[in-house]
Amino acid sequence: MYNNQPPIFTPEGTPIPLSPMSVQKPRFSFNFKNLSKNTKIVLISIASLLVLGLIILAIVLIGNGKKSATLEISVAPASATIKINGSAMKNGTYRVEPGFYEAEITADGFDSYSGKIELKKGDDNGFLVVLFPTDEASDYYDTHPDDDALAEYTANRAIVVAERNSHTDPIWQFTPYHSEDGTFMIDPTLAEDGTLVVQLTLNSCFTSRQDEAKSAIENWFKENSLSLENYDYFYIVPSCN
């Protein structure tokens, strides 16, 4: 193959035959050994940085895949010490791994707070807490406008999040529920602050029957992959004379 190179003629007009080697294009030849020492160092450094970048990218992608829940923290006053699972944290929104999260929140001159939540994949929840000042500093928020604004925001945000999460809670799929034997009823309701509260009605005046109904309620939650301990609940018992 001659790459379509036009023929070359002698002065007399006779074409000169060409060998394939005479028309081959020159090939680029790279020989690392022939490079200077400085050039080798530069190339090795660039290659190392590329490999390190790929490793970091892989770690970030894997980490983001595990962090499939959102933890929101908003606490007033801003000076409060916030510890989540023993680690100090600040107000903000964080992508976290599903699991249990326990908060310990303290501030000088305020009542402390402790609470625990479970975040599942895709959940968006957190600790939205307004600490109450002690009697000695009962007018704190009135005299600290920045913290007063933070407290108002946090309280309003808590209502929004509670209402949103309450309506998406799986308990709504199975309730209201009345037991077949008529011994108990399960009715979820929303409190004024938007939180979900479960009303458990026991339809017997006898203590022994009430205890049996409570055990049946716990079993009902387990059978529906729910946990009674994850809810605020209260019992209603009949007035028996």
Foldseek 3Di string as FASTA:
>chain_A
DQVPDDFDADPVGHTDDDDNVVRDDDDDDDDLVPDDPVVNVVVVVVVVVVVVVVVVVVVVVVQLVQQQEKAADAEPPQPKFKAKVRHTDHGDMDRGGWAKIWIWIDDPQWDIDIDMDTTDGNYHYYDLYYTQGDPVCNCVCVVPVVRVVSNVVSLLVQLVSQQVVQVVDPVVVPDQDADPVRQKTWDWDADPSNHIEIEIEGEDPDPVSSVVSVVVVQVVQVVVVHGPVNHHYDYDYDDDD
